[in-house]
Amino acid sequence: MTSEEKDADTVLDALLIQESGEVYRNPTEVQMSQIVLPCHANHCGELSVGQLLKWMDSTACLSAERHAGCSCITASVDDIHFEHTIGVGKVVNIIAKVNRAFTSSMEVGILVTCEDLYTDSQWKVCHAFATFVARRTEAGKVQLKQVIPHTQMEQMEYSLAAERRRMRLIHAEIITDLLSSSTAQLGECQEYQDAVPAERTRVESVELVLPPHANHQVSTFGGQIMAWMENVATIAASRLCNAHPTLRSIDMFHFRGPSHIGDRLVLKAIVNNSFKHSMEVGVCAEAYQGGEPTRHINSAFMTFEVLDRDRKPCTLPRIRPEPVDGKRRYQEAVARKKIRLDRKYIISCKQTEVSLSVPWDPRNQMYLSYNNVSALKLMDTRNNWVLASEKNKVRLYTLEENHMLCFKVEMNVSVPAEQTFHLLSDLRRRKEWDRHYEECEVIAQADEDDTLYRIATPSVTKGGKGKDFILLASRRKPCDSRDPYLIALRSVTLPTHPPTEDYTRGEVLCAGFTIWEESSTVTKITYYNQATPGVLPYISTDIAGLSSSFYSAFSACSQFLETNKDSLAALPPSVL
């Protein structure tokens, strides 16, 4: 499913007609529509991104509070990429709804579109995810009620929210590790003739937090802080290029502490580095009252471009970093740009634009793992599967969509779900029940949830070459009782394991298991595979109804699980 299709479905879900004839609307959904006036615009006649961030935050906060039944504060915002600017006279439409609630936090999805009233056309501006935390009440800590998805799109976002939350929790630590390893390889900063001194772009500004800037709990609106940060970042970017810059993206950021009415908010910005067509600006917000020490509220990294009359990016002047800290920021900006490109390529691209096997390295591990699990979750939420064959309660389904064929096999086993998860997680044991797994070796244990394997399979034709696959296996335990256990598989490339003459290198785009606990002793197993040319020869006769080898394989799987359901001794320590 492409990003455009997902966003269209998001809007359609808001007005879904149920069988009863009643109009269904997500109970947490909040909509805001604003016409862009000159007072909202910058000197280019375009809506200020700071103003847009305030509207987005307000809409999302109202959605979060509608679900929580109490006041909420912004905790973090995921990466935002602004696809288009918005001119004066256009209408901004914002839809926000809670995708999933956890203990005291919730993820809110925000879709921003622009509407031209004269041509009756609309287009997407950005799609963002924000995390809000419910404030404590007099009775103590808030325990949020669960979100119950009603549509396929809501189910998909509910499922993916758990994976996005996992990525947020480890994001800061992983980015720190990646920056330290990447900057060590970059060496000294490159000197450019006629480079602009970074100190020339430095900006510092102070704002007094007044009642209009705060909510009814006297906490400063997160959107207001983001707007002030965008303002100083724009000034810093303008000082580098002596032109009007356009904000293209904001990296994921977290609010480290609250700000209140009466705070003096000190905002600092500087251009960390400039590239051919873009620049990174680092922004920091600190607060203080009276003589107390400053409190760190937030830091963010914003990417700007300068567009010519044809809306094409201009070439930017280079930056000369300040000594010590400036050089560190300069090198870290280079590393962040590489991380940003990996993230955009792996996560943001349409599925048809991403090659089957993506190069794996520690820098993109987090995003590959996210993409791997998300792709399986998306397949799991599809509801238009067609039953192709059934034998002794083992069912084979197919789904043809966007010129791609997917299949899934379902069965129930009398083995606890957690034990089933452990036994199927170690792919080295799959050859005990799957005749297509001739060899399986662990290449690397990336972390406790991600493992790289090399799989060898026999030839499907007499005298032909066998195939081998380099697979990333990503395991996930349930976030709560409404989630399954997951084992997601996809192909990656490794320079240490190039194709060989003995095997034809095959590729897997998306495959894996979902494992649902039906009861304490009964588990439903579903195996998914998005068929690729490397996989089709092994299952084509089953799909055509000319064979039932899928039944033999999964009957052997059931027997393998039953035989080993009381033993964990054979599993490697990393799996236990």
Protein backbone atom coordinates (compact mmCIF):
# COMPACT_ATOMS: atom_id res chain seq x y z
CA MET A 1 0.00 0.00 0.00
CA THR A 2 1.46 3.37 -1.00
CA SER A 3 1.59 6.39 1.31
CA GLU A 4 -1.05 8.14 -0.84
CA GLU A 5 -3.41 5.17 -0.53
CA LYS A 6 -2.88 5.01 3.23
CA ASP A 7 -3.64 8.72 3.63
CA ALA A 8 -6.72 8.46 1.42
CA ASP A 9 -7.94 5.53 3.53
CA THR A 10 -7.29 7.55 6.68
CA VAL A 11 -9.66 10.25 5.46
CA LEU A 12 -12.24 7.74 4.22
CA ASP A 13 -12.21 5.88 7.53
CA ALA A 14 -13.45 9.06 9.19
CA LEU A 15 -16.69 8.79 7.20
CA LEU A 16 -17.10 5.03 6.97
CA ILE A 17 -20.69 3.86 6.52
CA GLN A 18 -21.39 0.83 8.63
CA GLU A 19 -23.84 -1.92 7.67
CA SER A 20 -26.37 -0.51 10.11
CA GLY A 21 -26.54 2.64 7.99
CA GLU A 22 -25.10 4.84 10.72
CA VAL A 23 -22.07 6.99 10.01
CA TYR A 24 -19.05 5.74 11.94
CA ARG A 25 -16.61 8.29 13.24
CA ASN A 26 -13.64 7.56 15.46
CA PRO A 27 -14.62 8.84 18.93
CA THR A 28 -11.16 10.40 19.43
CA GLU A 29 -11.11 12.19 16.09
CA VAL A 30 -10.74 15.98 16.10
CA GLN A 31 -10.74 18.12 12.97
CA MET A 32 -9.49 21.67 12.51
CA SER A 33 -9.80 23.84 9.40
CA GLN A 34 -8.04 27.20 9.12
CA ILE A 35 -7.87 29.64 6.23
CA VAL A 36 -4.36 31.03 5.84
CA LEU A 37 -4.42 34.80 6.37
CA PRO A 38 -1.55 37.26 5.85
CA CYS A 39 -0.97 37.33 9.62
CA HIS A 40 -0.17 33.59 9.49
CA ALA A 41 2.28 33.91 6.61
CA ASN A 42 5.98 34.67 6.28
CA HIS A 43 7.59 37.18 3.94
CA CYS A 44 7.16 34.76 1.00
CA GLY A 45 3.39 34.70 1.39
CA GLU A 46 3.49 31.12 2.67
CA LEU A 47 2.09 29.74 5.91
CA SER A 48 4.72 29.87 8.66
CA VAL A 49 5.65 26.33 9.67
CA GLY A 50 5.67 27.53 13.27
CA GLN A 51 1.99 28.49 12.97
CA LEU A 52 1.24 25.12 11.36
CA LEU A 53 3.01 23.31 14.22
CA LYS A 54 0.85 25.18 16.74
CA TRP A 55 -2.34 24.15 14.93
CA MET A 56 -1.14 20.55 14.66
CA ASP A 57 -0.24 20.38 18.36
CA SER A 58 -3.56 21.94 19.44
CA THR A 59 -5.59 19.51 17.32
CA ALA A 60 -3.61 16.49 18.51
CA CYS A 61 -3.83 17.60 22.16
CA LEU A 62 -7.62 17.92 21.93
CA SER A 63 -7.82 14.41 20.48
CA ALA A 64 -5.63 13.03 23.28
CA GLU A 65 -7.70 14.80 25.95
CA ARG A 66 -10.94 13.54 24.42
CA HIS A 67 -9.67 9.98 24.89
CA ALA A 68 -8.01 10.47 28.28
CA GLY A 69 -10.76 12.57 29.85
CA CYS A 70 -8.13 14.80 31.45
CA SER A 71 -5.46 17.31 30.45
CA CYS A 72 -2.51 16.03 28.41
CA ILE A 73 0.93 17.34 27.52
CA THR A 74 3.10 16.77 24.43
CA ALA A 75 5.90 14.31 25.17
CA SER A 76 7.48 13.82 21.74
CA VAL A 77 6.95 14.25 18.01
CA ASP A 78 8.26 11.82 15.38
CA ASP A 79 10.06 12.95 12.23
CA ILE A 80 8.01 15.40 10.17
CA HIS A 81 8.63 15.88 6.45
CA PHE A 82 6.80 18.79 4.84
CA GLU A 83 5.99 17.86 1.24
CA HIS A 84 4.50 21.20 0.19
CA THR A 85 4.29 24.81 1.32
CA ILE A 86 0.88 26.47 1.82
CA GLY A 87 0.05 29.88 0.37
CA VAL A 88 -2.16 32.67 1.69
CA GLY A 89 -5.82 32.05 0.91
CA LYS A 90 -5.53 28.27 1.04
CA VAL A 91 -7.34 26.20 3.67
CA VAL A 92 -5.43 23.95 6.05
CA ASN A 93 -7.35 20.82 7.14
CA ILE A 94 -5.99 18.86 10.09
CA ILE A 95 -7.34 15.50 11.30
CA ALA A 96 -6.00 14.00 14.54
CA LYS A 97 -7.02 10.79 16.27
CA VAL A 98 -5.57 8.48 18.90
CA ASN A 99 -4.06 5.40 17.27
CA ARG A 100 -3.27 3.55 20.48
CA ALA A 101 -3.14 4.13 24.23
CA PHE A 102 -0.59 2.62 26.56
CA THR A 103 -0.44 2.96 30.36
CA SER A 104 -0.41 6.76 30.65
CA SER A 105 0.74 7.76 27.15
CA MET A 106 -0.89 7.58 23.75
CA GLU A 107 0.09 7.98 20.12
CA VAL A 108 -1.88 10.51 18.10
CA GLY A 109 -1.78 10.42 14.30
CA ILE A 110 -1.98 13.81 12.56
CA LEU A 111 -2.80 14.25 8.87
CA VAL A 112 -2.44 17.72 7.33
CA THR A 113 -3.89 18.50 3.92
CA CYS A 114 -4.20 21.73 1.95
CA GLU A 115 -7.34 22.76 0.07
CA ASP A 116 -7.68 25.22 -2.79
CA LEU A 117 -11.21 26.61 -2.59
CA TYR A 118 -11.19 27.87 -6.17
CA THR A 119 -10.09 24.66 -7.91
CA ASP A 120 -11.68 22.26 -5.40
CA SER A 121 -8.38 20.33 -5.14
CA GLN A 122 -6.62 18.90 -2.07
CA TRP A 123 -3.12 17.55 -1.44
CA LYS A 124 -1.19 16.15 1.48
CA VAL A 125 1.23 18.41 3.33
CA CYS A 126 2.51 16.07 6.04
CA HIS A 127 1.63 13.08 8.19
CA ALA A 128 2.97 13.09 11.74
CA PHE A 129 2.79 11.08 14.95
CA ALA A 130 2.92 12.71 18.37
CA THR A 131 3.02 11.15 21.82
CA PHE A 132 0.95 12.71 24.60
CA VAL A 133 1.03 11.92 28.31
CA ALA A 134 -2.03 12.21 30.53
CA ARG A 135 -1.35 14.37 33.59
CA ARG A 136 -1.80 12.99 37.07
CA THR A 137 -5.12 13.64 38.74
CA GLU A 138 -5.84 14.14 42.44
CA ALA A 139 -6.60 10.42 42.61
CA GLY A 140 -3.09 9.55 41.35
CA LYS A 141 -1.58 8.33 38.11
CA VAL A 142 -3.89 8.02 35.12
CA GLN A 143 -4.62 4.58 33.68
CA LEU A 144 -5.77 5.13 30.11
CA LYS A 145 -8.54 3.05 28.58
CA GLN A 146 -7.68 0.97 25.54
CA VAL A 147 -8.39 2.12 21.99
CA ILE A 148 -10.66 -0.33 20.14
CA PRO A 149 -10.05 -0.23 16.37
CA HIS A 150 -13.14 -0.62 14.17
CA THR A 151 -11.80 -0.35 10.63
CA GLN A 152 -8.94 -1.98 8.75
CA MET A 153 -7.01 1.30 8.72
CA GLU A 154 -7.51 1.78 12.46
CA GLN A 155 -6.38 -1.80 13.08
CA MET A 156 -3.27 -1.19 10.99
CA GLU A 157 -2.35 2.02 12.83
CA TYR A 158 -3.10 0.37 16.18
CA SER A 159 -0.72 -2.47 15.35
CA LEU A 160 2.03 -0.23 13.96
CA ALA A 161 1.82 2.14 16.95
CA ALA A 162 3.42 -0.51 19.16
CA GLU A 163 6.39 -0.77 16.78
CA ARG A 164 6.73 3.01 16.52
CA ARG A 165 6.69 3.24 20.32
CA ARG A 166 9.48 0.67 20.52
CA MET A 167 11.55 2.73 18.09
CA ARG A 168 10.96 5.94 20.10
CA LEU A 169 12.11 4.30 23.33
CA ILE A 170 15.44 3.19 21.85
CA HIS A 171 15.87 6.09 19.41
CA ALA A 172 18.04 8.39 21.56
CA GLU A 173 20.41 5.62 22.65
CA ILE A 174 20.83 4.23 19.14
CA ILE A 175 21.32 7.67 17.57
CA THR A 176 24.03 8.41 20.16
CA ASP A 177 25.82 5.15 19.33
CA LEU A 178 25.52 5.74 15.60
CA LEU A 179 26.82 9.30 15.86
CA SER A 180 29.83 8.26 17.92
CA SER A 181 30.74 5.46 15.49
CA SER A 182 30.05 7.52 12.36
CA THR A 183 31.89 10.68 13.41
CA ALA A 184 34.96 8.64 14.33
CA GLN A 185 35.18 7.56 10.67
CA LEU A 186 34.74 11.05 9.21
CA GLY A 187 38.12 12.49 10.22
CA GLU A 188 38.82 16.22 10.17
CA CYS A 189 36.34 18.80 8.92
CA GLN A 190 36.86 19.75 5.30
CA GLU A 191 37.94 23.36 4.72
CA TYR A 192 36.19 25.32 1.97
CA GLN A 193 37.24 28.60 0.43
CA ASP A 194 34.76 31.44 1.05
CA ALA A 195 32.99 29.36 3.71
CA VAL A 196 30.65 31.29 6.02
CA PRO A 197 31.75 31.31 9.70
CA ALA A 198 29.21 29.37 11.76
CA GLU A 199 29.21 32.06 14.47
CA ARG A 200 27.61 34.43 11.96
CA THR A 201 24.49 32.22 11.97
CA ARG A 202 24.16 32.04 15.75
CA VAL A 203 20.82 33.29 17.10
CA GLU A 204 19.59 33.75 20.66
CA SER A 205 16.16 35.00 21.62
CA VAL A 206 14.08 35.08 24.79
CA GLU A 207 10.32 34.74 25.14
CA LEU A 208 8.17 35.36 28.21
CA VAL A 209 5.52 32.64 28.63
CA LEU A 210 2.16 34.39 29.09
CA PRO A 211 -1.33 32.92 29.70
CA PRO A 212 -2.22 32.84 25.96
CA HIS A 213 0.80 30.56 25.42
CA ALA A 214 -0.34 27.98 27.97
CA ASN A 215 -3.15 25.49 28.49
CA HIS A 216 -5.65 25.42 31.35
CA GLN A 217 -3.02 23.64 33.49
CA VAL A 218 -0.61 26.62 33.01
CA SER A 219 1.84 24.44 31.03
CA THR A 220 3.24 25.97 27.84
CA PHE A 221 1.77 24.45 24.69
CA GLY A 222 4.28 22.17 23.00
CA GLY A 223 3.26 23.67 19.66
CA GLN A 224 4.06 27.16 20.93
CA ILE A 225 7.56 26.07 21.94
CA MET A 226 8.03 24.42 18.54
CA ALA A 227 6.88 27.63 16.81
CA TRP A 228 9.41 29.73 18.74
CA MET A 229 12.13 27.20 17.92
CA GLU A 230 11.21 27.28 14.23
CA ASN A 231 11.44 31.08 14.28
CA VAL A 232 15.06 31.22 15.55
CA ALA A 233 16.05 28.32 13.29
CA THR A 234 14.72 30.20 10.26
CA ILE A 235 16.73 33.30 11.24
CA ALA A 236 19.91 31.20 11.57
CA ALA A 237 19.31 29.58 8.17
CA SER A 238 18.65 33.00 6.57
CA ARG A 239 21.95 34.35 7.88
CA LEU A 240 23.84 31.61 6.07
CA CYS A 241 22.22 32.00 2.66
CA ASN A 242 20.99 35.65 2.76
CA ALA A 243 17.69 34.37 1.38
CA HIS A 244 14.32 33.06 2.53
CA PRO A 245 14.75 29.38 3.52
CA THR A 246 12.05 26.70 3.42
CA LEU A 247 11.79 24.19 6.28
CA ARG A 248 11.68 20.68 4.84
CA SER A 249 11.91 18.36 7.85
CA ILE A 250 12.22 18.15 11.61
CA ASP A 251 13.92 15.15 13.22
CA MET A 252 12.21 13.22 16.01
CA PHE A 253 12.47 15.10 19.31
CA HIS A 254 11.38 14.74 22.94
CA PHE A 255 10.29 17.34 25.47
CA ARG A 256 12.65 16.81 28.39
CA GLY A 257 10.65 18.81 30.91
CA PRO A 258 7.63 21.13 31.24
CA SER A 259 7.50 24.89 30.88
CA HIS A 260 4.99 27.09 32.73
CA ILE A 261 3.47 30.56 32.71
CA GLY A 262 6.09 33.04 33.91
CA ASP A 263 9.02 31.10 32.45
CA ARG A 264 11.61 32.96 30.42
CA LEU A 265 12.26 30.69 27.46
CA VAL A 266 15.73 31.11 25.95
CA LEU A 267 15.95 29.84 22.37
CA LYS A 268 19.30 29.28 20.67
CA ALA A 269 20.01 28.24 17.09
CA ILE A 270 23.04 27.78 14.85
CA VAL A 271 23.71 26.21 11.45
CA ASN A 272 25.59 22.98 12.20
CA ASN A 273 26.48 22.17 8.61
CA SER A 274 25.49 22.99 5.04
CA PHE A 275 25.46 20.59 2.12
CA LYS A 276 24.94 21.21 -1.57
CA HIS A 277 21.19 21.85 -1.42
CA SER A 278 20.30 21.68 2.28
CA MET A 279 21.47 22.77 5.70
CA GLU A 280 20.96 21.45 9.22
CA VAL A 281 20.10 23.89 11.99
CA GLY A 282 20.37 22.86 15.63
CA VAL A 283 17.93 24.50 18.06
CA CYS A 284 17.81 24.41 21.85
CA ALA A 285 15.10 25.68 24.24
CA GLU A 286 15.89 26.38 27.92
CA ALA A 287 13.66 27.86 30.64
CA TYR A 288 14.25 29.70 33.89
CA GLN A 289 12.40 31.83 36.43
CA GLY A 290 14.09 34.48 38.58
CA GLY A 291 17.55 33.44 39.69
CA GLU A 292 17.06 29.71 39.32
CA PRO A 293 19.32 27.70 36.97
CA THR A 294 18.10 27.07 33.42
CA ARG A 295 16.16 23.90 32.62
CA HIS A 296 16.63 22.09 29.30
CA ILE A 297 13.20 21.88 27.66
CA ASN A 298 13.91 20.63 24.17
CA SER A 299 16.46 20.26 21.38
CA ALA A 300 15.71 19.74 17.70
CA PHE A 301 17.41 19.46 14.32
CA MET A 302 15.72 21.12 11.35
CA THR A 303 16.60 20.77 7.68
CA PHE A 304 16.15 23.80 5.38
CA GLU A 305 16.38 24.39 1.64
CA VAL A 306 16.39 27.58 -0.43
CA LEU A 307 14.15 27.40 -3.52
CA ASP A 308 14.50 29.41 -6.72
CA ARG A 309 11.61 30.81 -8.77
CA ASP A 310 11.03 27.39 -10.31
CA ARG A 311 10.82 25.81 -6.84
CA LYS A 312 14.15 24.01 -7.39
CA PRO A 313 16.74 23.83 -4.56
CA CYS A 314 19.59 26.36 -4.82
CA THR A 315 23.24 25.60 -4.14
CA LEU A 316 24.15 26.79 -0.63
CA PRO A 317 27.38 28.33 0.70
CA ARG A 318 29.54 26.10 2.87
CA ILE A 319 29.98 26.60 6.60
CA ARG A 320 33.18 27.02 8.60
CA PRO A 321 32.54 25.43 12.01
CA GLU A 322 33.59 26.94 15.31
CA PRO A 323 36.48 25.21 17.12
CA VAL A 324 35.84 22.18 19.37
CA ASP A 325 32.03 22.03 19.84
CA GLY A 326 31.42 23.52 16.40
CA LYS A 327 33.51 20.82 14.74
CA ARG A 328 31.68 18.16 16.73
CA ARG A 329 28.31 19.56 15.60
CA TYR A 330 29.61 19.76 12.02
CA GLN A 331 30.62 16.08 11.98
CA GLU A 332 27.48 14.93 13.75
CA ALA A 333 25.38 16.75 11.13
CA VAL A 334 27.12 14.72 8.40
CA ALA A 335 26.37 11.51 10.30
CA ARG A 336 22.75 12.56 10.90
CA LYS A 337 22.31 13.28 7.20
CA LYS A 338 23.39 9.72 6.38
CA ILE A 339 21.02 8.35 9.01
CA ARG A 340 18.23 10.57 7.66
CA LEU A 341 18.72 9.29 4.11
CA ASP A 342 18.65 5.67 5.31
CA ARG A 343 15.51 6.33 7.30
CA LYS A 344 13.76 8.08 4.39
CA TYR A 345 14.79 5.36 1.93
CA ILE A 346 13.77 2.43 4.11
CA ILE A 347 10.67 3.78 5.88
CA SER A 348 9.21 6.64 3.83
CA CYS A 349 9.50 5.32 0.25
CA LYS A 350 6.70 3.59 -1.56
CA GLN A 351 7.12 -0.15 -1.47
CA THR A 352 7.68 -0.30 -5.23
CA GLU A 353 10.61 2.12 -4.90
CA VAL A 354 12.56 -0.01 -2.43
CA SER A 355 14.66 -2.87 -3.73
CA LEU A 356 13.93 -6.32 -2.32
CA SER A 357 17.28 -6.62 -0.57
CA VAL A 358 18.38 -3.51 1.31
CA PRO A 359 22.02 -3.29 2.45
CA TRP A 360 22.28 -3.97 6.17
CA ASP A 361 24.67 -2.20 8.52
CA PRO A 362 24.45 -1.02 12.14
CA ARG A 363 23.51 2.49 11.00
CA ASN A 364 20.20 1.39 9.47
CA GLN A 365 19.47 -1.61 11.71
CA MET A 366 16.78 0.19 13.70
CA TYR A 367 14.91 1.29 10.57
CA LEU A 368 15.26 -2.04 8.77
CA SER A 369 13.90 -3.82 11.83
CA TYR A 370 10.99 -1.37 12.00
CA ASN A 371 10.29 -1.80 8.29
CA ASN A 372 10.52 -5.58 8.60
CA VAL A 373 7.98 -5.85 11.41
CA SER A 374 5.70 -3.12 10.01
CA ALA A 375 5.43 -4.87 6.64
CA LEU A 376 4.31 -8.08 8.36
CA LYS A 377 1.81 -6.19 10.51
CA LEU A 378 0.37 -4.51 7.42
CA MET A 379 -0.15 -7.91 5.79
CA ASP A 380 -1.76 -9.19 8.98
CA THR A 381 -4.38 -6.41 8.94
CA ARG A 382 -5.61 -7.23 5.40
CA ASN A 383 -9.16 -8.56 5.44
CA ASN A 384 -9.71 -9.52 1.78
CA TRP A 385 -7.87 -12.86 1.70
CA VAL A 386 -9.36 -15.59 -0.51
CA LEU A 387 -9.38 -19.20 0.70
CA ALA A 388 -7.52 -21.26 -1.94
CA SER A 389 -7.32 -24.65 -0.23
CA GLU A 390 -8.01 -26.40 3.07
CA LYS A 391 -6.97 -29.81 4.34
CA ASN A 392 -7.43 -31.10 7.88
CA LYS A 393 -7.86 -27.56 9.26
CA VAL A 394 -4.70 -26.24 7.60
CA ARG A 395 -5.88 -23.35 5.39
CA LEU A 396 -4.11 -21.68 2.46
CA TYR A 397 -5.22 -18.15 1.48
CA THR A 398 -4.11 -15.87 -1.35
CA LEU A 399 -4.32 -12.13 -1.96
CA GLU A 400 -3.45 -10.31 -5.19
CA GLU A 401 -2.93 -6.58 -4.73
CA ASN A 402 -0.98 -3.95 -6.68
CA HIS A 403 0.31 -6.65 -9.07
CA MET A 404 1.80 -8.60 -6.17
CA LEU A 405 0.74 -12.03 -4.91
CA CYS A 406 0.66 -12.79 -1.19
CA PHE A 407 -0.28 -16.00 0.54
CA LYS A 408 -0.84 -17.11 4.11
CA VAL A 409 -1.23 -20.47 5.83
CA GLU A 410 -3.25 -20.80 9.06
CA MET A 411 -3.52 -23.58 11.61
CA ASN A 412 -4.09 -24.15 15.32
CA VAL A 413 -1.75 -26.09 17.59
CA SER A 414 -2.12 -27.35 21.15
CA VAL A 415 1.05 -25.61 22.33
CA PRO A 416 1.22 -22.41 24.46
CA ALA A 417 1.83 -19.28 22.41
CA GLU A 418 5.05 -18.25 24.13
CA GLN A 419 6.56 -21.71 23.66
CA THR A 420 5.52 -21.69 19.99
CA PHE A 421 7.20 -18.30 19.59
CA HIS A 422 10.47 -19.55 21.10
CA LEU A 423 10.53 -22.70 18.96
CA LEU A 424 9.80 -20.91 15.67
CA SER A 425 12.13 -17.99 16.43
CA ASP A 426 15.30 -20.03 15.93
CA LEU A 427 15.41 -20.55 12.16
CA ARG A 428 18.17 -23.11 12.57
CA ARG A 429 15.53 -25.55 13.78
CA ARG A 430 13.20 -24.96 10.86
CA LYS A 431 14.89 -27.65 8.78
CA GLU A 432 13.51 -30.14 11.32
CA TRP A 433 10.07 -29.62 9.77
CA ASP A 434 10.49 -27.63 6.53
CA ARG A 435 12.11 -29.58 3.68
CA HIS A 436 12.85 -26.29 1.87
CA TYR A 437 15.38 -25.38 4.59
CA GLU A 438 18.45 -27.39 3.62
CA GLU A 439 21.00 -25.29 5.54
CA CYS A 440 20.66 -22.48 8.05
CA GLU A 441 23.46 -20.60 9.79
CA VAL A 442 23.54 -17.54 12.03
CA ILE A 443 25.64 -14.80 10.44
CA ALA A 444 25.30 -12.27 13.25
CA GLN A 445 23.19 -11.59 16.33
CA ALA A 446 22.47 -7.86 15.84
CA ASP A 447 20.68 -7.62 19.20
CA GLU A 448 18.32 -9.71 21.29
CA ASP A 449 15.46 -9.16 18.81
CA ASP A 450 17.23 -9.15 15.43
CA THR A 451 19.32 -11.94 13.87
CA LEU A 452 20.93 -12.31 10.45
CA TYR A 453 20.75 -15.76 8.83
CA ARG A 454 21.95 -17.44 5.65
CA ILE A 455 19.40 -19.98 4.38
CA ALA A 456 20.09 -22.53 1.62
CA THR A 457 17.23 -24.28 -0.19
CA PRO A 458 17.31 -27.17 -2.70
CA SER A 459 16.60 -26.75 -6.39
CA VAL A 460 13.01 -27.21 -7.54
CA THR A 461 14.22 -28.66 -10.87
CA LYS A 462 16.39 -31.69 -11.40
CA GLY A 463 20.04 -30.74 -11.88
CA GLY A 464 19.39 -27.05 -11.20
CA LYS A 465 21.10 -24.81 -8.70
CA GLY A 466 19.75 -24.39 -5.23
CA LYS A 467 18.91 -20.94 -3.86
CA ASP A 468 20.30 -19.14 -0.85
CA PHE A 469 18.85 -16.19 1.05
CA ILE A 470 20.36 -13.65 3.46
CA LEU A 471 17.54 -12.91 5.89
CA LEU A 472 16.95 -10.47 8.72
CA ALA A 473 14.72 -12.10 11.35
CA SER A 474 13.02 -9.65 13.74
CA ARG A 475 11.20 -11.01 16.79
CA ARG A 476 8.59 -9.14 18.83
CA LYS A 477 6.72 -10.15 21.95
CA PRO A 478 3.20 -8.73 22.47
CA CYS A 479 2.92 -5.21 23.81
CA ASP A 480 -0.35 -6.30 25.45
CA SER A 481 -3.01 -9.00 25.11
CA ARG A 482 -4.33 -7.46 21.87
CA ASP A 483 -1.03 -8.10 20.06
CA PRO A 484 0.39 -11.34 18.65
CA TYR A 485 3.92 -12.67 18.89
CA LEU A 486 5.73 -11.81 15.67
CA ILE A 487 8.64 -13.27 13.69
CA ALA A 488 9.27 -11.09 10.62
CA LEU A 489 11.65 -12.02 7.79
CA ARG A 490 13.07 -10.03 4.88
CA SER A 491 16.12 -10.15 2.61
CA VAL A 492 19.14 -7.94 3.18
CA THR A 493 22.54 -7.73 1.51
CA LEU A 494 25.84 -8.10 3.31
CA PRO A 495 29.25 -7.37 1.73
CA THR A 496 30.64 -10.32 3.71
CA HIS A 497 28.19 -12.71 2.02
CA PRO A 498 28.03 -12.00 -1.73
CA PRO A 499 26.28 -14.41 -4.15
CA THR A 500 28.29 -17.53 -5.02
CA GLU A 501 28.47 -19.75 -8.09
CA ASP A 502 26.98 -22.70 -6.22
CA TYR A 503 23.66 -20.98 -5.45
CA THR A 504 21.25 -18.55 -7.08
CA ARG A 505 20.64 -15.69 -4.68
CA GLY A 506 16.95 -15.45 -3.81
CA GLU A 507 15.10 -12.59 -2.15
CA VAL A 508 12.24 -12.31 0.31
CA LEU A 509 10.34 -9.02 0.48
CA CYS A 510 8.10 -9.83 3.43
CA ALA A 511 7.44 -13.10 5.26
CA GLY A 512 6.98 -14.37 8.78
CA PHE A 513 4.71 -15.70 11.51
CA THR A 514 2.05 -14.16 13.68
CA ILE A 515 1.29 -16.23 16.77
CA TRP A 516 -1.98 -15.54 18.62
CA GLU A 517 -2.87 -16.97 22.00
CA GLU A 518 -6.35 -18.49 21.67
CA SER A 519 -6.19 -19.97 25.19
CA SER A 520 -3.54 -21.08 27.64
CA THR A 521 -2.98 -24.27 25.60
CA VAL A 522 -4.19 -23.41 22.08
CA THR A 523 -2.34 -21.15 19.67
CA LYS A 524 -3.24 -19.89 16.19
CA ILE A 525 -0.23 -19.74 13.85
CA THR A 526 -0.36 -17.76 10.61
CA TYR A 527 2.52 -17.81 8.14
CA TYR A 528 2.66 -14.96 5.59
CA ASN A 529 4.74 -14.53 2.45
CA GLN A 530 4.69 -11.79 -0.15
CA ALA A 531 5.69 -13.93 -3.10
CA THR A 532 8.77 -12.90 -5.09
CA PRO A 533 10.37 -14.62 -8.12
CA GLY A 534 12.72 -16.36 -5.69
CA VAL A 535 9.84 -17.83 -3.66
CA LEU A 536 7.15 -18.54 -6.27
CA PRO A 537 8.66 -21.80 -7.63
CA TYR A 538 8.28 -23.39 -4.19
CA ILE A 539 4.57 -22.63 -3.75
CA SER A 540 3.11 -22.15 -7.27
CA THR A 541 1.60 -25.66 -7.46
CA ASP A 542 -0.08 -25.21 -4.07
CA ILE A 543 -1.66 -21.92 -5.13
CA ALA A 544 -2.79 -23.45 -8.43
CA GLY A 545 -4.42 -26.31 -6.51
CA LEU A 546 -2.15 -28.91 -8.10
CA SER A 547 -0.45 -29.89 -4.85
CA SER A 548 -0.97 -29.86 -1.08
CA SER A 549 2.67 -29.78 -0.01
CA PHE A 550 1.84 -26.79 2.21
CA TYR A 551 -0.28 -29.19 4.29
CA SER A 552 2.63 -31.62 4.67
CA ALA A 553 5.00 -28.83 5.73
CA PHE A 554 2.68 -27.35 8.32
CA SER A 555 1.58 -30.73 9.61
CA ALA A 556 5.29 -31.39 10.18
CA CYS A 557 5.52 -27.99 11.89
CA SER A 558 2.62 -28.90 14.20
CA GLN A 559 4.26 -32.21 15.06
CA PHE A 560 7.60 -30.45 15.70
CA LEU A 561 5.93 -28.01 18.10
CA GLU A 562 4.01 -30.78 19.91
CA THR A 563 7.18 -32.85 20.32
CA ASN A 564 9.20 -29.93 21.73
CA LYS A 565 6.54 -28.07 23.70
CA ASP A 566 8.00 -29.10 27.07
CA SER A 567 11.64 -28.38 26.26
CA LEU A 568 13.56 -25.12 25.93
CA ALA A 569 16.96 -26.70 26.37
CA ALA A 570 17.72 -26.76 22.66
CA LEU A 571 17.18 -23.03 22.19
CA PRO A 572 20.18 -20.65 22.08
CA PRO A 573 20.61 -18.26 25.04
CA SER A 574 19.82 -15.23 22.82
CA VAL A 575 16.34 -16.62 22.13
CA LEU A 576 15.47 -17.52 25.70
